[in-house]
Structures are given as structure tokens and as C-alpha cells.
Protein backbone atom coordinates (compact mmCIF):
# COMPACT_ATOMS: atom_id res chain seq x y z
CA MET A 1 -5.13 -9.56 -15.86
CA ARG A 2 -3.66 -7.15 -13.32
CA LYS A 3 -0.54 -9.30 -12.85
CA MET A 4 -0.01 -9.44 -16.64
CA LEU A 5 -0.24 -5.64 -16.86
CA ILE A 6 2.33 -5.23 -14.07
CA LEU A 7 4.68 -7.64 -15.81
CA CYS A 8 4.44 -5.72 -19.10
CA VAL A 9 5.28 -2.44 -17.39
CA MET A 10 8.24 -4.06 -15.61
CA VAL A 11 9.61 -5.32 -18.92
CA ILE A 12 9.37 -1.86 -20.45
CA PHE A 13 11.30 -0.29 -17.58
CA ALA A 14 13.90 -3.04 -17.46
CA ALA A 15 14.50 -2.75 -21.18
CA GLY A 16 15.20 0.97 -20.92
CA LEU A 17 17.59 0.66 -17.98
CA SER A 18 21.26 1.19 -18.82
CA ALA A 19 24.10 0.15 -16.54
CA GLY A 20 24.40 2.49 -13.57
CA ARG A 21 27.59 3.64 -11.86
CA ILE A 22 28.09 5.46 -8.61
CA VAL A 23 30.12 8.60 -9.23
CA ARG A 24 31.60 10.65 -6.40
CA ILE A 25 31.53 14.41 -6.91
CA ASN A 26 34.06 16.11 -4.65
CA SER A 27 34.08 19.70 -3.39
CA LEU A 28 30.51 20.65 -4.23
CA PRO A 29 29.54 24.22 -3.25
CA GLN A 30 27.12 24.75 -0.37
CA GLY A 31 23.54 24.02 -1.39
CA SER A 32 24.48 22.04 -4.50
CA VAL A 33 23.05 18.77 -3.19
CA THR A 34 19.53 20.19 -3.20
CA ALA A 35 20.12 21.60 -6.67
CA LEU A 36 21.17 18.17 -7.94
CA MET A 37 18.04 16.64 -6.43
CA GLU A 38 15.89 19.25 -8.20
CA GLU A 39 17.54 18.19 -11.46
CA GLY A 40 16.46 14.61 -10.81
CA PHE A 41 19.83 13.12 -9.82
CA ASP A 42 19.74 9.88 -7.83
CA ILE A 43 21.68 10.95 -4.71
CA THR A 44 23.07 7.80 -3.09
CA SER A 45 25.19 9.30 -0.29
CA VAL A 46 26.49 12.62 0.97
CA ASP A 47 29.33 13.39 3.38
CA MET A 48 29.12 16.98 4.58
CA VAL A 49 32.31 16.64 6.61
CA ARG A 50 34.52 15.27 3.84
CA GLY A 51 32.71 17.25 1.19
CA TYR A 52 31.55 14.70 -1.36
CA THR A 53 28.28 13.67 -2.94
CA ASP A 54 27.69 10.28 -4.58
CA VAL A 55 25.22 9.98 -7.44
CA MET A 56 24.02 6.99 -9.46
CA VAL A 57 24.09 7.75 -13.19
CA PRO A 58 23.98 5.77 -16.44
CA GLU A 59 27.52 5.06 -17.66
CA GLU A 60 27.02 7.17 -20.79
CA MET A 61 26.47 10.22 -18.56
CA ILE A 62 29.92 10.06 -16.92
CA PRO A 63 31.69 12.18 -19.62
CA GLU A 64 29.08 14.90 -19.09
CA LEU A 65 29.77 14.89 -15.34
CA GLU A 66 33.51 15.13 -16.00
CA LEU A 67 32.91 18.30 -18.02
CA ARG A 68 30.56 19.78 -15.44
CA PHE A 69 32.47 19.02 -12.23
CA PRO A 70 36.25 19.42 -11.86
CA ASP A 71 36.79 16.56 -9.39
CA ILE A 72 34.90 13.29 -9.75
CA GLU A 73 35.68 9.65 -9.05
CA VAL A 74 33.97 6.70 -10.69
CA MET A 75 33.47 4.19 -7.90
CA PRO A 76 33.96 0.41 -8.37
CA LEU A 77 31.25 -1.35 -10.37
CA GLU A 78 30.18 -3.53 -7.42
CA TRP A 79 29.30 -0.45 -5.34
CA GLY A 80 26.17 0.14 -7.40
CA GLU A 81 25.59 -3.11 -9.25
CA LEU A 82 24.90 -6.68 -8.26
CA LEU A 83 27.40 -8.57 -10.41
CA ALA A 84 26.17 -11.30 -12.73
CA GLU A 85 27.74 -14.13 -10.72
CA ASN A 86 25.75 -12.98 -7.67
CA SER A 87 22.41 -12.42 -9.39
CA LYS A 88 20.82 -15.51 -7.86
CA ASN A 89 22.02 -15.30 -4.26
CA ALA A 90 23.19 -11.68 -3.66
CA GLY A 91 26.77 -12.84 -3.04
CA TYR A 92 27.73 -12.58 0.63
CA TYR A 93 24.54 -10.65 1.40
CA TYR A 94 21.44 -12.67 2.27
CA SER A 95 19.03 -13.36 -0.58
CA PRO A 96 15.28 -13.59 0.17
CA ASP A 97 15.45 -17.39 0.37
CA GLU A 98 18.60 -17.29 2.53
CA ASN A 99 16.87 -14.80 4.85
CA LEU A 100 13.92 -17.06 5.49
CA ALA A 101 16.19 -20.09 5.94
CA PHE A 102 18.34 -18.18 8.44
CA TRP A 103 15.42 -17.07 10.60
CA CYS A 104 13.80 -20.51 10.57
CA THR A 105 17.11 -22.12 11.54
CA LEU A 106 17.68 -19.56 14.30
CA ALA A 107 14.27 -20.38 15.76
CA ALA A 108 14.97 -24.12 15.56
CA ASP A 109 18.41 -23.79 17.21
CA HIS A 110 17.29 -21.26 19.87
CA SER A 111 13.60 -22.03 20.36
CA ASP A 112 13.71 -20.52 23.86
CA LEU A 113 14.89 -17.16 22.50
CA ALA A 114 13.66 -16.77 18.90
CA ASP A 115 10.22 -17.41 17.44
CA THR A 116 9.70 -18.67 13.91
CA PRO A 117 8.93 -15.92 11.38
CA VAL A 118 5.36 -14.61 11.58
CA ASN A 119 3.59 -13.04 8.60
CA ILE A 120 2.35 -9.53 9.43
CA GLY A 121 0.97 -8.62 5.99
CA GLN A 122 1.54 -8.66 2.25
CA SER A 123 3.45 -6.50 -0.19
CA TYR A 124 2.11 -4.91 -3.37
CA LEU A 125 2.73 -8.13 -5.31
CA GLY A 126 1.36 -10.29 -2.52
CA GLU A 127 4.64 -11.42 -0.94
CA ASP A 128 4.70 -12.03 2.82
CA ILE A 129 6.26 -9.41 5.07
CA TYR A 130 7.35 -11.29 8.17
CA MET A 131 8.75 -10.43 11.56
CA ILE A 132 10.74 -12.34 14.16
CA LYS A 133 10.31 -11.96 17.92
CA LEU A 134 13.37 -12.32 20.15
CA THR A 135 13.24 -12.49 23.94
CA SER A 136 14.09 -14.89 26.75
CA PRO A 137 11.71 -16.93 28.95
CA ILE A 138 12.65 -14.69 31.89
CA GLY A 139 9.65 -12.53 32.73
CA ASP A 140 6.49 -11.94 30.72
CA SER A 141 7.37 -10.91 27.15
CA ASP A 142 4.09 -8.96 26.89
CA TYR A 143 5.35 -6.59 29.58
CA LYS A 144 8.96 -6.26 28.50
CA PRO A 145 9.68 -2.98 26.67
CA PRO A 146 9.49 -3.63 22.89
CA ILE A 147 12.17 -2.43 20.45
CA LEU A 148 11.86 -2.68 16.67
CA PHE A 149 14.52 -3.22 14.00
CA ASN A 150 13.67 -3.16 10.30
CA SER A 151 15.71 -3.13 7.11
CA LEU A 152 15.45 -3.21 3.32
CA ILE A 153 12.66 -0.66 3.07
CA HIS A 154 14.87 0.49 0.19
CA ALA A 155 15.36 -2.53 -2.05
CA ARG A 156 19.01 -1.92 -2.95
CA GLU A 157 20.34 -1.64 0.61
CA PRO A 158 21.14 -5.18 1.81
CA GLY A 159 23.82 -4.08 4.27
CA GLY A 160 21.18 -3.16 6.84
CA ASN A 161 19.72 -6.64 6.52
CA SER A 162 23.17 -8.13 7.23
CA VAL A 163 23.36 -5.99 10.38
CA VAL A 164 20.06 -7.16 11.87
CA ILE A 165 20.97 -10.79 11.12
CA ASP A 166 24.34 -10.31 12.79
CA PHE A 167 22.70 -8.78 15.86
CA ALA A 168 20.27 -11.67 16.20
CA MET A 169 23.17 -14.14 15.97
CA TRP A 170 25.16 -12.20 18.56
CA LEU A 171 22.24 -12.13 21.00
CA THR A 172 21.44 -15.83 20.76
CA ASP A 173 25.06 -17.01 20.66
CA ASN A 174 26.00 -14.97 23.74
CA TYR A 175 22.89 -15.42 25.85
CA ASP A 176 24.30 -18.32 27.87
CA GLY A 177 27.81 -16.92 28.17
CA GLY A 178 30.45 -14.82 26.49
CA ASP A 179 28.85 -11.41 26.98
CA THR A 180 26.42 -10.59 29.78
CA ARG A 181 24.86 -7.78 27.76
CA ALA A 182 23.11 -10.29 25.50
CA ALA A 183 21.43 -11.96 28.47
CA TRP A 184 20.45 -8.60 29.94
CA ILE A 185 18.87 -7.43 26.67
CA LEU A 186 16.83 -10.61 26.08
CA ASP A 187 15.83 -10.85 29.75
CA ASN A 188 14.65 -7.26 29.88
CA THR A 189 13.29 -6.44 26.40
CA THR A 190 11.26 -7.92 23.57
CA LEU A 191 12.89 -7.33 20.20
CA TYR A 192 10.95 -7.39 16.94
CA ILE A 193 12.82 -7.64 13.64
CA VAL A 194 11.32 -7.05 10.18
CA PRO A 195 14.29 -8.03 8.00
CA ILE A 196 12.80 -7.36 4.54
CA ALA A 197 10.27 -4.51 4.55
CA ASN A 198 10.25 -4.30 0.72
CA PRO A 199 10.24 -7.94 -0.44
CA ASP A 200 9.09 -7.21 -4.00
CA GLY A 201 11.82 -4.71 -4.75
CA TYR A 202 14.55 -6.83 -3.17
CA ALA A 203 13.56 -9.93 -5.14
CA TYR A 204 13.39 -7.84 -8.34
CA ASN A 205 16.94 -6.55 -7.79
CA LEU A 206 18.66 -9.90 -7.84
CA PRO A 207 18.21 -10.67 -11.54
CA SER A 208 17.89 -7.00 -12.55
CA GLY A 209 21.24 -5.51 -11.57
CA GLY A 210 20.47 -4.17 -8.12
CA TYR A 211 19.66 -0.54 -8.99
CA HIS A 212 16.02 -0.51 -7.89
CA ARG A 213 15.22 1.44 -4.70
CA LYS A 214 11.41 1.62 -4.54
CA ASN A 215 8.58 -0.88 -4.29
CA MET A 216 6.99 -2.57 -7.33
CA ASN A 217 3.85 -0.47 -7.68
CA PHE A 218 4.48 0.48 -11.31
CA THR A 219 1.00 1.95 -11.82
CA LEU A 220 2.30 5.46 -12.51
CA GLY A 221 6.05 4.99 -12.80
CA ASP A 222 8.72 2.64 -11.51
CA GLY A 223 7.54 2.33 -7.92
CA VAL A 224 7.07 4.35 -4.75
CA ASP A 225 9.82 5.32 -2.29
CA LEU A 226 8.53 3.62 0.85
CA ASN A 227 10.59 5.91 3.07
CA ARG A 228 8.73 8.95 1.71
CA ASN A 229 5.25 7.41 2.02
CA TRP A 230 4.67 7.77 5.79
CA GLY A 231 1.96 10.05 7.11
CA TYR A 232 3.80 12.68 9.15
CA GLU A 233 4.45 15.81 7.02
CA TRP A 234 3.96 13.72 3.87
CA GLY A 235 4.54 15.95 0.84
CA TYR A 236 5.75 18.85 3.02
CA ASP A 237 7.67 20.10 -0.02
CA ASN A 238 8.88 18.75 -3.36
CA ILE A 239 12.56 18.58 -2.37
CA GLY A 240 12.34 16.19 0.59
CA SER A 241 10.13 13.97 -1.55
CA SER A 242 9.00 14.12 -5.15
CA PRO A 243 5.54 14.21 -6.75
CA LYS A 244 7.02 12.79 -9.99
CA PRO A 245 6.54 9.01 -10.38
CA SER A 246 9.83 8.68 -12.27
CA ASP A 247 11.92 10.16 -9.42
CA ASP A 248 13.70 7.96 -6.89
CA THR A 249 12.04 9.84 -4.02
CA TYR A 250 8.51 9.60 -5.44
CA ARG A 251 6.22 9.69 -2.40
CA GLY A 252 3.13 7.99 -3.85
CA THR A 253 -0.38 9.31 -4.34
CA ALA A 254 -1.21 9.73 -0.65
CA PRO A 255 0.19 9.04 2.83
CA PHE A 256 0.37 5.28 3.40
CA SER A 257 -0.83 4.61 -0.14
CA GLU A 258 1.40 1.51 -0.27
CA PRO A 259 0.65 -1.83 1.39
CA GLU A 260 4.22 -2.14 2.69
CA THR A 261 4.03 1.08 4.73
CA GLN A 262 0.53 0.18 5.90
CA VAL A 263 1.81 -3.16 7.20
CA LEU A 264 4.72 -1.55 9.06
CA ARG A 265 2.49 1.23 10.42
CA ASP A 266 -0.09 -1.22 11.74
CA PHE A 267 2.57 -3.42 13.28
CA ILE A 268 4.22 -0.48 15.04
CA LEU A 269 0.84 0.61 16.41
CA SER A 270 0.17 -2.93 17.64
CA VAL A 271 3.43 -3.35 19.60
CA ASN A 272 4.12 0.32 20.48
CA PRO A 273 7.94 0.09 20.60
CA ILE A 274 9.87 2.42 22.84
CA ALA A 275 12.68 2.67 20.24
CA LEU A 276 13.38 1.60 16.68
CA MET A 277 16.20 1.35 14.17
CA ASN A 278 15.22 1.77 10.51
CA TYR A 279 18.34 0.40 8.79
CA HIS A 280 19.59 1.84 5.50
CA THR A 281 22.86 2.11 3.57
CA TYR A 282 25.27 3.71 2.93
CA GLY A 283 27.59 6.39 4.33
CA GLY A 284 28.15 5.91 8.06
CA TYR A 285 25.52 8.07 9.77
CA LEU A 286 23.00 7.83 12.58
CA LEU A 287 20.04 10.09 11.78
CA PHE A 288 17.20 11.19 14.03
CA PRO A 289 14.13 13.50 13.69
CA TYR A 290 13.14 15.87 12.33
CA SER A 291 13.97 15.02 8.75
CA TYR A 292 11.18 16.94 7.01
CA ASN A 293 12.51 20.45 7.76
CA ASN A 294 15.77 19.87 9.68
CA SER A 295 14.31 21.38 12.86
CA ALA A 296 15.09 20.19 16.38
CA THR A 297 12.50 18.10 18.17
CA PRO A 298 11.53 18.90 21.78
CA ASP A 299 13.88 16.02 22.67
CA GLN A 300 16.86 17.20 20.65
CA THR A 301 19.11 17.05 23.70
CA THR A 302 18.19 13.42 24.33
CA PHE A 303 18.54 12.41 20.68
CA GLN A 304 21.92 14.11 20.45
CA ALA A 305 23.18 12.55 23.69
CA TRP A 306 22.04 9.08 22.66
CA GLY A 307 23.40 9.54 19.15
CA SER A 308 26.80 10.63 20.47
CA ALA A 309 26.99 7.63 22.80
CA MET A 310 25.83 5.16 20.16
CA THR A 311 28.43 6.34 17.64
CA SER A 312 31.34 6.63 20.07
CA TYR A 313 32.67 3.25 18.88
CA ASN A 314 32.17 3.45 15.12
CA GLY A 315 32.69 7.17 14.52
CA TYR A 316 29.45 7.59 12.55
CA TYR A 317 28.08 11.12 12.26
CA ALA A 318 25.01 11.55 14.48
CA GLY A 319 22.52 14.25 13.61
CA ARG A 320 19.43 15.18 11.67
CA CYS A 321 19.13 14.34 7.99
CA GLY A 322 19.59 17.96 6.95
CA GLN A 323 22.71 18.27 9.11
CA ALA A 324 24.36 15.07 7.91
CA LEU A 325 23.29 14.90 4.28
CA GLY A 326 22.61 18.50 3.36
CA TYR A 327 19.02 17.81 2.29
CA ASN A 328 15.70 17.09 4.00
CA ALA A 329 13.38 14.08 3.67
CA ASN A 330 9.65 14.28 4.32
CA GLY A 331 7.23 11.42 4.86
CA ASP A 332 9.90 9.17 6.36
CA GLN A 333 9.55 6.46 8.98
CA VAL A 334 11.44 8.05 11.87
CA ASP A 335 9.53 11.35 11.79
CA TRP A 336 6.21 9.48 11.83
CA SER A 337 7.39 7.13 14.57
CA TYR A 338 8.39 10.04 16.77
CA SER A 339 5.53 12.47 16.07
CA GLY A 340 2.85 10.99 13.86
CA ASN A 341 1.78 7.74 15.48
CA GLY A 342 -0.76 9.18 17.92
CA MET A 343 1.00 7.59 20.89
CA GLN A 344 4.03 8.39 23.00
CA GLY A 345 6.94 9.40 20.78
CA ILE A 346 9.29 6.61 19.82
CA MET A 347 13.05 7.10 20.04
CA ALA A 348 13.50 6.43 16.32
CA PHE A 349 16.81 6.37 14.42
CA THR A 350 17.91 5.77 10.84
CA PRO A 351 21.38 4.21 10.73
CA GLU A 352 23.07 4.53 7.33
CA VAL A 353 25.48 1.59 7.40
CA GLY A 354 29.07 2.31 6.36
CA ASP A 355 28.99 -0.14 3.45
CA ASN A 356 30.87 0.48 0.19
CA GLY A 357 27.97 1.68 -1.89
CA PHE A 358 24.96 -0.62 -1.99
CA TRP A 359 26.57 -3.92 -2.96
CA GLY A 360 30.24 -3.37 -2.07
CA GLY A 361 30.36 -6.42 0.21
CA GLN A 362 28.88 -8.89 -2.26
CA ASN A 363 32.32 -10.53 -2.70
CA ASP A 364 33.92 -9.21 0.50
CA THR A 365 33.03 -10.94 3.77
CA THR A 366 35.59 -8.85 5.67
CA LEU A 367 33.78 -5.62 4.80
CA ILE A 368 30.44 -7.05 5.91
CA GLU A 369 31.93 -8.32 9.17
CA GLU A 370 33.43 -4.88 9.85
CA PHE A 371 30.28 -2.85 9.33
CA CYS A 372 28.20 -5.41 11.26
CA GLU A 373 30.54 -5.00 14.23
CA ASP A 374 30.36 -1.21 13.89
CA CYS A 375 26.57 -1.31 14.07
CA ARG A 376 26.37 -4.02 16.72
CA TYR A 377 27.62 -1.58 19.34
CA MET A 378 24.84 0.88 18.43
CA ASN A 379 22.21 -1.85 18.69
CA ILE A 380 23.50 -3.05 22.05
CA TRP A 381 23.68 0.47 23.47
CA LEU A 382 20.14 1.29 22.40
CA CYS A 383 18.70 -1.96 23.78
CA MET A 384 20.43 -1.47 27.12
CA THR A 385 19.47 2.19 27.48
CA ALA A 386 15.95 2.49 26.08
CA PRO A 387 14.29 0.19 28.70
CA GLY A 388 15.33 2.59 31.45
CA PHE A 389 13.78 5.48 29.57
CA THR A 390 10.35 6.12 31.09
CA GLY A 391 8.96 8.46 28.47
CA ILE A 392 10.11 11.45 26.51
CA THR A 393 9.76 14.41 28.83
CA GLY A 394 11.71 17.49 29.77
CA GLU A 395 12.10 16.41 33.38
CA SER A 396 15.38 15.39 34.95
CA ILE A 397 15.91 13.71 38.30
CA GLU A 398 19.16 14.30 40.15
CA PRO A 399 20.72 10.90 40.85
CA LEU A 400 23.04 10.02 43.69
CA LEU A 401 25.65 9.24 41.08
CA ALA A 402 26.17 9.37 37.32
CA VAL A 403 28.69 7.15 35.59
CA GLY A 404 30.70 8.38 32.62
CA GLN A 405 32.14 6.42 29.72
CA VAL A 406 34.89 3.89 30.44
CA THR A 407 38.23 4.64 28.79
CA PRO A 408 40.04 2.98 27.24
CA ASN A 409 37.39 0.51 26.10
CA PRO A 410 38.27 -2.30 25.24
CA VAL A 411 40.09 -2.50 28.58
CA VAL A 412 43.45 -4.25 28.93
CA GLY A 413 44.20 -3.65 32.60
CA LEU A 414 43.35 -0.31 34.16
CA ALA A 415 39.95 1.23 33.40
CA SER A 416 39.10 4.84 34.03
CA PHE A 417 35.68 6.48 34.23
CA SER A 418 34.14 9.59 35.70
CA LEU A 419 31.71 9.43 38.59
CA SER A 420 29.54 12.38 39.55
CA VAL A 421 28.41 12.19 43.17
CA SER A 422 25.69 14.35 44.67
CA GLY A 423 24.99 15.05 48.30
CA SER A 424 27.52 14.35 51.01
CA GLY A 425 29.60 11.73 49.23
CA CYS A 426 29.65 7.94 49.36
CA ALA A 427 30.08 5.55 52.25
CA ASP A 428 30.25 2.43 50.06
CA LEU A 429 31.03 1.94 46.38
CA ALA A 430 30.99 -1.44 44.61
CA ILE A 431 30.81 -2.93 41.12
CA TYR A 432 28.43 -5.83 40.41
CA ASP A 433 27.79 -8.06 37.43
CA THR A 434 24.22 -8.67 36.22
CA THR A 435 23.83 -11.72 38.47
CA GLY A 436 24.31 -9.52 41.54
CA ARG A 437 27.82 -10.79 42.34
CA ILE A 438 30.28 -8.18 43.64
CA ILE A 439 33.21 -7.82 41.23
CA ALA A 440 35.07 -5.09 43.11
CA ASP A 441 34.85 -2.88 46.20
CA LEU A 442 36.20 0.58 45.42
CA PRO A 443 37.72 2.98 47.96
CA THR A 444 35.65 6.02 48.86
CA ASP A 445 38.15 7.99 50.97
CA GLU A 446 39.01 10.45 48.21
CA LEU A 447 35.50 10.89 46.78
CA VAL A 448 34.05 14.38 46.89
CA SER A 449 30.67 15.79 46.02
CA GLY A 450 30.80 16.55 42.31
CA GLU A 451 33.05 15.08 39.62
CA ASN A 452 35.51 12.30 40.44
CA GLN A 453 37.85 10.20 38.32
CA ILE A 454 37.75 6.50 39.19
CA LEU A 455 40.52 4.02 38.39
CA TRP A 456 39.69 0.32 38.48
CA ASN A 457 42.27 -2.39 38.00
CA VAL A 458 40.08 -4.86 36.12
CA PRO A 459 40.86 -8.46 37.15
CA ALA A 460 42.13 -10.80 34.46
CA GLY A 461 39.36 -12.96 33.06
CA THR A 462 36.62 -10.38 33.63
CA PRO A 463 34.39 -10.82 30.56
CA SER A 464 32.90 -8.17 28.32
CA GLY A 465 29.46 -7.19 29.45
CA LEU A 466 27.16 -4.95 31.38
CA TYR A 467 28.14 -3.96 34.92
CA ILE A 468 26.43 -1.99 37.65
CA ILE A 469 28.14 0.38 40.05
CA ARG A 470 26.21 0.92 43.29
CA ALA A 471 26.77 3.61 45.87
CA ARG A 472 25.42 4.28 49.34
CA GLY A 473 25.64 7.86 50.48
CA ALA A 474 26.78 8.97 53.89
CA ASP A 475 23.19 10.03 54.58
CA GLY A 476 21.87 6.54 53.76
CA THR A 477 20.62 7.28 50.23
CA THR A 478 21.52 4.77 47.52
CA GLY A 479 21.98 4.93 43.77
CA ALA A 480 23.25 2.87 40.88
CA GLY A 481 24.53 3.38 37.35
CA ARG A 482 25.31 1.04 34.45
CA PHE A 483 28.33 0.89 32.21
CA THR A 484 29.64 -1.43 29.51
CA LEU A 485 33.04 -3.09 29.66
CA LEU A 486 34.70 -4.43 26.51
CA ARG A 487 37.67 -6.82 26.67
């Protein structure tokens, strides 16, 4: 009986849904984004730097927007809509069936690195929510630092799902050669991936046009926004989430009222990750706490430093939600992961993939390949850095040396990076690969205590990967730093 009632409600909502278009409003005055949200607009993306706001509206509303705003652009249909020819398989994105087939095949082809999907709970409609564990046989996986990736908590955002699939392929394809960073990550961490956190909503989108964002709990409206249903500062105000069931940011009746957020919460508590990436689309941002009131966390300096490093390759804007998007979001996953989980704070980020709208890559493999590569660098950087992070504290320990970013990177011949040396300078300075083999001995005659600029003529054939620079001070102290080399 319950399933029949749900189906009837779904039919009513589907029947009343007109075709949606993403419309870009340029040159909005300061504070207008919040005003649009209060009016009930579906805000799909905001760019505070370039000064535009994207909204999803029924097509018949476009003339009204043209009268109200002097400068608007109607974005291509495929930005907001899953085209009819792709309604069964999501085009070049991965459908639910293609997802499961991919992860099962990955486990079969790389059984030493990837486990078969494991069910961690059920959705509102009883669909499995599964996770995949990735690590190498080196060391005990129970003691390797865990890192979590999840995507599709919002049902219309398949670009994040493409990114986590791409990262899993990159790790397994490069583990035995090609890029030493892949081997380092899988040897030193345990990665958990939840590729479809909202399976009901994603499956519903394929035959229904692709507009749906929330889960399928239609008890009071058309679903609950699962990224407003987490327990930390849930319902802090009615702008960062909505009490109205018809709104796209409807937060539900209570914190963790939805089975999907309960499943993710319980899984996070069971594995206690040191870092996580909660993938969304679209816009090209890397967001970190606090989202609920746009205030800095006690670890703002760390979040900002990590965010700047992670986005140095793709040019994404790194900052808090209120800084990047001009509005706040309460009851979201990253705020809870950092402050509400009752354990040590997790270094939690929300990447907003630089896709073209929600479905812009459905017929464009090049676009998907480009944004996957953009995000791959962020994933690699986080997985290589977080394991060396021994807790979020205000302490700092003065190292013998600190290594700056390599420029240019990718490297053609000569690489340059800064090296800060403390104490009385260095007696020996060498670069190693992750196997412990010396790649280069560097001269130390000109090194001084403080900042130095190092030039390294990188030998031809040196592969991309993670490298370690080790120093021994004149007083016998030693130190090491890591850097990434791209070729």
C-alpha cells in the first residue's frame, strides 16, 4: 500500500513539471542571491568573481526574467535536461546499471587493489547504497588512514560520479607503473568510495528529464535535500535551508530524518576518515567549513592552505560556501563531518565540478575528460597530504626544511622550487623516488639558513610521480619533504 501511495504522488509531481532551463543572470547587485533564494528560485550555480547567478526555471518564465533583469543568457538545453536519447543510459555519464558494472569489473580486473561493492544500507525506496574499498596489499588496511569520496547526494549532479570513477581508474591503472603517486596512495591509505549516495533520485532522473535534486521521500513534498539534512546546525536559519517541502533546499522534518543520510553518517562513524570529498556540480569551486554561517573554523589557515594547493592546477575558487557562492548552507555534510561527528574533526571538502550545468557532458566526452583531469589533481593532492596530518591542532613544528611548489609543472627540463632551511644549513641534499632510489644529488655550497631557490635539471625519462627531498644538517639533524613532479 505504501509503495502505491508513493507512486501516485510521483505521478502527480511529474505531470505538473514543465521543461526547465538554466538561465544565467549577469551583474546581480550584492545580496541578490539570497533574495532570489527567499523567493523560491532554484539556484544552480553562482560565480562571485565573474558576477553571474544561474537559476533553473520553467521555460514559460524566461520572458518574465528578461523583463526583470537587464542581462540574462539562456544556457543550452543539455545543461539542465537529460535529453530524450540519453534517458536510458545518461549519455556519457554513468547510469546506475553502468556504475555497478564498472565497479564489479574494476574489482575483477584489480582484485588485489579494489574490493567488490559492499552494501552499507538502503535508500528511502529500498535501493542499496554501496561502497567500494580501494587499497593495496602492502601493510594492514585496517591501520592505513581512511579517506572517503562520495558523489550524487544530489540526484542531478552526475559529473561528480564521473570524477570518482576516473580517480579509481587512474589509481588502479597506474599502481604498477606510470605514476608513482598511485602506488604511494594505495600503499599508504585506504580509500572508500560511495559513488551514488542518492540512488532513488538518480534512477528517477533518467526517464524524468534530469531536473530532480532531492531524494524520493514525497511524504510532504517532492523530496528532501540530503545535503541539508545533516545534524550539525540543522535548520540554523531558513535561508541556508528551507522548512518548505516544495523548496529545493527542503531540510526534512528533523536532522538525519532520511535513510540516505543515516547510512552515510553511520558509515563515516564506522571508518572515521581523516579527510573526505563530497562531490557536487557545477561551477568550479572547492568549498570547506563553515557553510552554515560563513564563519572561519579554528583550522581556517589549514583549510585555506590546502584549498589553495589543491586548486593550483585547475584554478577552482577555494573558500567557504558564503565566500564562493554568496549564500550559506546549513545542515550540510562537510560541516557535520568537521564539527558534528563527535570525533576528531575531518578535513572535509565539497568540490563543485566545473561541468557545463548538470548534464552538459552527456554528449561530450571531451568535457568529461577535462573536468575529470581537473579534479584528479585535487584528489591526488589530498590523498598524499592527509596521511601525514596527525590531527587538527594549532601546533606547528619547525622542520629542518620545507619544500615549495615546483614550477613550471609539468616540467620539460629545468625545475625550480623553493627550499626553506632552518638551523646551520645543509651538509647533504638529495632527491629520492618512493622506492628509496637516489634520483639526484644537489649541491649545498650556496645554501643559506632561510629561503633558497633550487634549480634541478630533471633527467630525461624521469616519470611523473611523488618524490622526496632529504637533507642532513651540518649539526647532524635530518629532515625530508615531499613534492610532486608532472611530466
